[in-house]
Amino acid sequence: MSMLVVVTENVPPRLRGRLAIWLLEVRAGVYVGDVSAKIREMIWEQIAGLAEEGNVVMAWAT
């Protein structure tokens, strides 16, 4: 498990809702959580598929 931070900007509400399933939204567009590598990869696939014209940064500590 590793600490994960995702910061979003101008993404569709459905992506924000999807991220809120796995991560805690500590501020508008900022999500944090402790997830496994498998879940982190799955989250990135969701981001890549749903971000549209928005911007997303994902960082984690190993």
PDB file of N, CA and C in Angstrom:
ATOM      1  N   MET A   1       0.853  -1.181   0.000  1.00  0.00           N
ATOM      2  CA  MET A   1       0.000   0.000   0.000  1.00  0.00           C
ATOM      3  C   MET A   1       0.901   1.246   0.000  1.00  0.00           C
ATOM      4  N   SER A   2       0.442   2.258  -0.692  1.00  0.00           N
ATOM      5  CA  SER A   2       1.201   3.503  -0.742  1.00  0.00           C
ATOM      6  C   SER A   2       0.247   4.692  -0.730  1.00  0.00           C
ATOM      7  N   MET A   3       0.764   5.794  -0.212  1.00  0.00           N
ATOM      8  CA  MET A   3      -0.005   7.033  -0.158  1.00  0.00           C
ATOM      9  C   MET A   3      -0.122   7.587  -1.571  1.00  0.00           C
ATOM     10  N   LEU A   4      -1.351   7.913  -1.970  1.00  0.00           N
ATOM     11  CA  LEU A   4      -1.627   8.399  -3.318  1.00  0.00           C
ATOM     12  C   LEU A   4      -2.291   9.765  -3.232  1.00  0.00           C
ATOM     13  N   VAL A   5      -1.854  10.688  -4.091  1.00  0.00           N
ATOM     14  CA  VAL A   5      -2.474  12.009  -4.200  1.00  0.00           C
ATOM     15  C   VAL A   5      -2.827  12.229  -5.666  1.00  0.00           C
ATOM     16  N   VAL A   6      -4.063  12.637  -5.912  1.00  0.00           N
ATOM     17  CA  VAL A   6      -4.522  12.960  -7.264  1.00  0.00           C
ATOM     18  C   VAL A   6      -5.079  14.381  -7.230  1.00  0.00           C
ATOM     19  N   VAL A   7      -4.590  15.218  -8.135  1.00  0.00           N
ATOM     20  CA  VAL A   7      -5.080  16.593  -8.242  1.00  0.00           C
ATOM     21  C   VAL A   7      -5.708  16.748  -9.625  1.00  0.00           C
ATOM     22  N   THR A   8      -6.965  17.197  -9.633  1.00  0.00           N
ATOM     23  CA  THR A   8      -7.688  17.340 -10.897  1.00  0.00           C
ATOM     24  C   THR A   8      -8.057  18.796 -11.141  1.00  0.00           C
ATOM     25  N   GLU A   9      -8.237  19.112 -12.418  1.00  0.00           N
ATOM     26  CA  GLU A   9      -8.658  20.456 -12.810  1.00  0.00           C
ATOM     27  C   GLU A   9      -9.508  20.334 -14.067  1.00  0.00           C
ATOM     28  N   ASN A  10     -10.696  20.896 -14.023  1.00  0.00           N
ATOM     29  CA  ASN A  10     -11.611  20.907 -15.173  1.00  0.00           C
ATOM     30  C   ASN A  10     -11.934  19.509 -15.705  1.00  0.00           C
ATOM     31  N   VAL A  11     -12.169  18.563 -14.796  1.00  0.00           N
ATOM     32  CA  VAL A  11     -12.561  17.216 -15.222  1.00  0.00           C
ATOM     33  C   VAL A  11     -14.072  17.057 -15.075  1.00  0.00           C
ATOM     34  N   PRO A  12     -14.664  16.135 -15.805  1.00  0.00           N
ATOM     35  CA  PRO A  12     -16.112  15.922 -15.715  1.00  0.00           C
ATOM     36  C   PRO A  12     -16.532  15.423 -14.324  1.00  0.00           C
ATOM     37  N   PRO A  13     -17.735  15.757 -13.903  1.00  0.00           N
ATOM     38  CA  PRO A  13     -18.233  15.302 -12.596  1.00  0.00           C
ATOM     39  C   PRO A  13     -18.200  13.785 -12.435  1.00  0.00           C
ATOM     40  N   ARG A  14     -18.384  13.041 -13.513  1.00  0.00           N
ATOM     41  CA  ARG A  14     -18.373  11.576 -13.374  1.00  0.00           C
ATOM     42  C   ARG A  14     -16.989  11.066 -12.967  1.00  0.00           C
ATOM     43  N   LEU A  15     -15.916  11.732 -13.392  1.00  0.00           N
ATOM     44  CA  LEU A  15     -14.574  11.330 -12.959  1.00  0.00           C
ATOM     45  C   LEU A  15     -14.376  11.682 -11.493  1.00  0.00           C
ATOM     46  N   ARG A  16     -14.829  12.852 -11.087  1.00  0.00           N
ATOM     47  CA  ARG A  16     -14.711  13.235  -9.672  1.00  0.00           C
ATOM     48  C   ARG A  16     -15.469  12.255  -8.787  1.00  0.00           C
ATOM     49  N   GLY A  17     -16.646  11.847  -9.228  1.00  0.00           N
ATOM     50  CA  GLY A  17     -17.413  10.864  -8.472  1.00  0.00           C
ATOM     51  C   GLY A  17     -16.714   9.520  -8.407  1.00  0.00           C
ATOM     52  N   ARG A  18     -16.111   9.115  -9.516  1.00  0.00           N
ATOM     53  CA  ARG A  18     -15.396   7.843  -9.567  1.00  0.00           C
ATOM     54  C   ARG A  18     -14.199   7.866  -8.621  1.00  0.00           C
ATOM     55  N   LEU A  19     -13.458   8.977  -8.607  1.00  0.00           N
ATOM     56  CA  LEU A  19     -12.308   9.082  -7.703  1.00  0.00           C
ATOM     57  C   LEU A  19     -12.742   9.044  -6.240  1.00  0.00           C
ATOM     58  N   ALA A  20     -13.888   9.636  -5.950  1.00  0.00           N
ATOM     59  CA  ALA A  20     -14.391   9.677  -4.571  1.00  0.00           C
ATOM     60  C   ALA A  20     -14.769   8.292  -4.050  1.00  0.00           C
ATOM     61  N   ILE A  21     -14.933   7.316  -4.940  1.00  0.00           N
ATOM     62  CA  ILE A  21     -15.205   5.948  -4.494  1.00  0.00           C
ATOM     63  C   ILE A  21     -13.995   5.378  -3.768  1.00  0.00           C
ATOM     64  N   TRP A  22     -12.793   5.644  -4.270  1.00  0.00           N
ATOM     65  CA  TRP A  22     -11.578   5.047  -3.719  1.00  0.00           C
ATOM     66  C   TRP A  22     -10.764   5.985  -2.851  1.00  0.00           C
ATOM     67  N   LEU A  23     -10.925   7.284  -3.028  1.00  0.00           N
ATOM     68  CA  LEU A  23     -10.074   8.262  -2.353  1.00  0.00           C
ATOM     69  C   LEU A  23     -10.917   9.294  -1.616  1.00  0.00           C
ATOM     70  N   LEU A  24     -10.311   9.952  -0.656  1.00  0.00           N
ATOM     71  CA  LEU A  24     -10.967  11.012   0.106  1.00  0.00           C
ATOM     72  C   LEU A  24     -10.686  12.352  -0.575  1.00  0.00           C
ATOM     73  N   GLU A  25     -11.738  13.112  -0.857  1.00  0.00           N
ATOM     74  CA  GLU A  25     -11.566  14.436  -1.462  1.00  0.00           C
ATOM     75  C   GLU A  25     -11.380  15.444  -0.336  1.00  0.00           C
ATOM     76  N   VAL A  26     -10.126  15.872  -0.105  1.00  0.00           N
ATOM     77  CA  VAL A  26      -9.815  16.762   1.010  1.00  0.00           C
ATOM     78  C   VAL A  26     -10.052  18.228   0.678  1.00  0.00           C
ATOM     79  N   ARG A  27     -10.109  18.538  -0.586  1.00  0.00           N
ATOM     80  CA  ARG A  27     -10.399  19.880  -1.082  1.00  0.00           C
ATOM     81  C   ARG A  27     -10.896  19.696  -2.507  1.00  0.00           C
ATOM     82  N   ALA A  28     -11.598  20.645  -3.027  1.00  0.00           N
ATOM     83  CA  ALA A  28     -12.146  20.486  -4.381  1.00  0.00           C
ATOM     84  C   ALA A  28     -11.046  20.084  -5.365  1.00  0.00           C
ATOM     85  N   GLY A  29     -11.185  18.903  -5.938  1.00  0.00           N
ATOM     86  CA  GLY A  29     -10.234  18.426  -6.932  1.00  0.00           C
ATOM     87  C   GLY A  29      -8.976  17.790  -6.394  1.00  0.00           C
ATOM     88  N   VAL A  30      -8.842  17.661  -5.069  1.00  0.00           N
ATOM     89  CA  VAL A  30      -7.650  17.059  -4.461  1.00  0.00           C
ATOM     90  C   VAL A  30      -8.075  15.811  -3.698  1.00  0.00           C
ATOM     91  N   TYR A  31      -7.539  14.662  -4.112  1.00  0.00           N
ATOM     92  CA  TYR A  31      -7.918  13.368  -3.545  1.00  0.00           C
ATOM     93  C   TYR A  31      -6.691  12.697  -2.946  1.00  0.00           C
ATOM     94  N   VAL A  32      -6.863  12.060  -1.795  1.00  0.00           N
ATOM     95  CA  VAL A  32      -5.775  11.332  -1.151  1.00  0.00           C
ATOM     96  C   VAL A  32      -6.283   9.974  -0.686  1.00  0.00           C
ATOM     97  N   GLY A  33      -5.364   9.036  -0.575  1.00  0.00           N
ATOM     98  CA  GLY A  33      -5.734   7.720  -0.080  1.00  0.00           C
ATOM     99  C   GLY A  33      -4.524   6.814   0.017  1.00  0.00           C
ATOM    100  N   ASP A  34      -4.732   5.658   0.632  1.00  0.00           N
ATOM    101  CA  ASP A  34      -3.704   4.637   0.797  1.00  0.00           C
ATOM    102  C   ASP A  34      -4.178   3.421   0.010  1.00  0.00           C
ATOM    103  N   VAL A  35      -3.569   3.167  -1.140  1.00  0.00           N
ATOM    104  CA  VAL A  35      -4.055   2.121  -2.036  1.00  0.00           C
ATOM    105  C   VAL A  35      -2.917   1.206  -2.484  1.00  0.00           C
ATOM    106  N   SER A  36      -3.279   0.034  -2.955  1.00  0.00           N
ATOM    107  CA  SER A  36      -2.298  -0.910  -3.493  1.00  0.00           C
ATOM    108  C   SER A  36      -1.898  -0.481  -4.909  1.00  0.00           C
ATOM    109  N   ALA A  37      -0.824  -1.070  -5.405  1.00  0.00           N
ATOM    110  CA  ALA A  37      -0.369  -0.763  -6.764  1.00  0.00           C
ATOM    111  C   ALA A  37      -1.437  -1.137  -7.786  1.00  0.00           C
ATOM    112  N   LYS A  38      -2.127  -2.236  -7.574  1.00  0.00           N
ATOM    113  CA  LYS A  38      -3.172  -2.672  -8.505  1.00  0.00           C
ATOM    114  C   LYS A  38      -4.308  -1.651  -8.571  1.00  0.00           C
ATOM    115  N   ILE A  39      -4.740  -1.155  -7.423  1.00  0.00           N
ATOM    116  CA  ILE A  39      -5.809  -0.150  -7.389  1.00  0.00           C
ATOM    117  C   ILE A  39      -5.320   1.158  -7.994  1.00  0.00           C
ATOM    118  N   ARG A  40      -4.075   1.534  -7.715  1.00  0.00           N
ATOM    119  CA  ARG A  40      -3.513   2.762  -8.287  1.00  0.00           C
ATOM    120  C   ARG A  40      -3.529   2.696  -9.813  1.00  0.00           C
ATOM    121  N   GLU A  41      -3.147   1.563 -10.380  1.00  0.00           N
ATOM    122  CA  GLU A  41      -3.154   1.404 -11.832  1.00  0.00           C
ATOM    123  C   GLU A  41      -4.574   1.467 -12.387  1.00  0.00           C
ATOM    124  N   MET A  42      -5.519   0.874 -11.672  1.00  0.00           N
ATOM    125  CA  MET A  42      -6.915   0.906 -12.100  1.00  0.00           C
ATOM    126  C   MET A  42      -7.454   2.339 -12.052  1.00  0.00           C
ATOM    127  N   ILE A  43      -7.090   3.086 -11.013  1.00  0.00           N
ATOM    128  CA  ILE A  43      -7.506   4.488 -10.913  1.00  0.00           C
ATOM    129  C   ILE A  43      -6.942   5.280 -12.097  1.00  0.00           C
ATOM    130  N   TRP A  44      -5.676   5.047 -12.444  1.00  0.00           N
ATOM    131  CA  TRP A  44      -5.088   5.777 -13.568  1.00  0.00           C
ATOM    132  C   TRP A  44      -5.804   5.451 -14.879  1.00  0.00           C
ATOM    133  N   GLU A  45      -6.198   4.200 -15.064  1.00  0.00           N
ATOM    134  CA  GLU A  45      -6.952   3.832 -16.265  1.00  0.00           C
ATOM    135  C   GLU A  45      -8.279   4.591 -16.321  1.00  0.00           C
ATOM    136  N   GLN A  46      -8.937   4.733 -15.171  1.00  0.00           N
ATOM    137  CA  GLN A  46     -10.190   5.489 -15.112  1.00  0.00           C
ATOM    138  C   GLN A  46      -9.939   6.961 -15.460  1.00  0.00           C
ATOM    139  N   ILE A  47      -8.862   7.517 -14.910  1.00  0.00           N
ATOM    140  CA  ILE A  47      -8.511   8.916 -15.185  1.00  0.00           C
ATOM    141  C   ILE A  47      -8.250   9.108 -16.676  1.00  0.00           C
ATOM    142  N   ALA A  48      -7.442   8.229 -17.253  1.00  0.00           N
ATOM    143  CA  ALA A  48      -7.090   8.344 -18.674  1.00  0.00           C
ATOM    144  C   ALA A  48      -8.329   8.249 -19.560  1.00  0.00           C
ATOM    145  N   GLY A  49      -9.294   7.457 -19.158  1.00  0.00           N
ATOM    146  CA  GLY A  49     -10.486   7.287 -19.967  1.00  0.00           C
ATOM    147  C   GLY A  49     -11.543   8.357 -19.792  1.00  0.00           C
ATOM    148  N   LEU A  50     -11.532   9.045 -18.646  1.00  0.00           N
ATOM    149  CA  LEU A  50     -12.625   9.972 -18.344  1.00  0.00           C
ATOM    150  C   LEU A  50     -12.221  11.444 -18.228  1.00  0.00           C
ATOM    151  N   ALA A  51     -10.938  11.763 -18.261  1.00  0.00           N
ATOM    152  CA  ALA A  51     -10.486  13.139 -18.000  1.00  0.00           C
ATOM    153  C   ALA A  51     -10.905  14.131 -19.083  1.00  0.00           C
ATOM    154  N   GLU A  52     -11.128  13.657 -20.307  1.00  0.00           N
ATOM    155  CA  GLU A  52     -11.494  14.519 -21.438  1.00  0.00           C
ATOM    156  C   GLU A  52     -10.517  15.684 -21.574  1.00  0.00           C
ATOM    157  N   GLU A  53     -10.991  16.924 -21.495  1.00  0.00           N
ATOM    158  CA  GLU A  53     -10.134  18.101 -21.680  1.00  0.00           C
ATOM    159  C   GLU A  53      -9.492  18.576 -20.380  1.00  0.00           C
ATOM    160  N   GLY A  54      -9.755  17.894 -19.274  1.00  0.00           N
ATOM    161  CA  GLY A  54      -9.218  18.307 -17.979  1.00  0.00           C
ATOM    162  C   GLY A  54      -7.760  17.924 -17.798  1.00  0.00           C
ATOM    163  N   ASN A  55      -7.204  18.377 -16.680  1.00  0.00           N
ATOM    164  CA  ASN A  55      -5.825  18.071 -16.310  1.00  0.00           C
ATOM    165  C   ASN A  55      -5.826  17.250 -15.032  1.00  0.00           C
ATOM    166  N   VAL A  56      -4.926  16.265 -14.961  1.00  0.00           N
ATOM    167  CA  VAL A  56      -4.817  15.431 -13.771  1.00  0.00           C
ATOM    168  C   VAL A  56      -3.349  15.146 -13.503  1.00  0.00           C
ATOM    169  N   VAL A  57      -2.965  15.253 -12.231  1.00  0.00           N
ATOM    170  CA  VAL A  57      -1.635  14.860 -11.776  1.00  0.00           C
ATOM    171  C   VAL A  57      -1.823  13.816 -10.697  1.00  0.00           C
ATOM    172  N   MET A  58      -1.041  12.726 -10.787  1.00  0.00           N
ATOM    173  CA  MET A  58      -1.111  11.681  -9.772  1.00  0.00           C
ATOM    174  C   MET A  58       0.294  11.435  -9.245  1.00  0.00           C
ATOM    175  N   ALA A  59       0.443  11.444  -7.917  1.00  0.00           N
ATOM    176  CA  ALA A  59       1.740  11.202  -7.289  1.00  0.00           C
ATOM    177  C   ALA A  59       1.557  10.212  -6.154  1.00  0.00           C
ATOM    178  N   TRP A  60       2.584   9.385  -5.927  1.00  0.00           N
ATOM    179  CA  TRP A  60       2.514   8.414  -4.839  1.00  0.00           C
ATOM    180  C   TRP A  60       3.891   8.172  -4.261  1.00  0.00           C
ATOM    181  N   ALA A  61       3.898   7.717  -3.026  1.00  0.00           N
ATOM    182  CA  ALA A  61       5.130   7.362  -2.327  1.00  0.00           C
ATOM    183  C   ALA A  61       5.201   5.845  -2.249  1.00  0.00           C
ATOM    184  N   THR A  62       6.382   5.289  -2.511  1.00  0.00           N
ATOM    185  CA  THR A  62       6.534   3.835  -2.442  1.00  0.00           C
ATOM    186  C   THR A  62       7.351   3.437  -1.237  1.00  0.00           C
TER     187      THR A  62
END
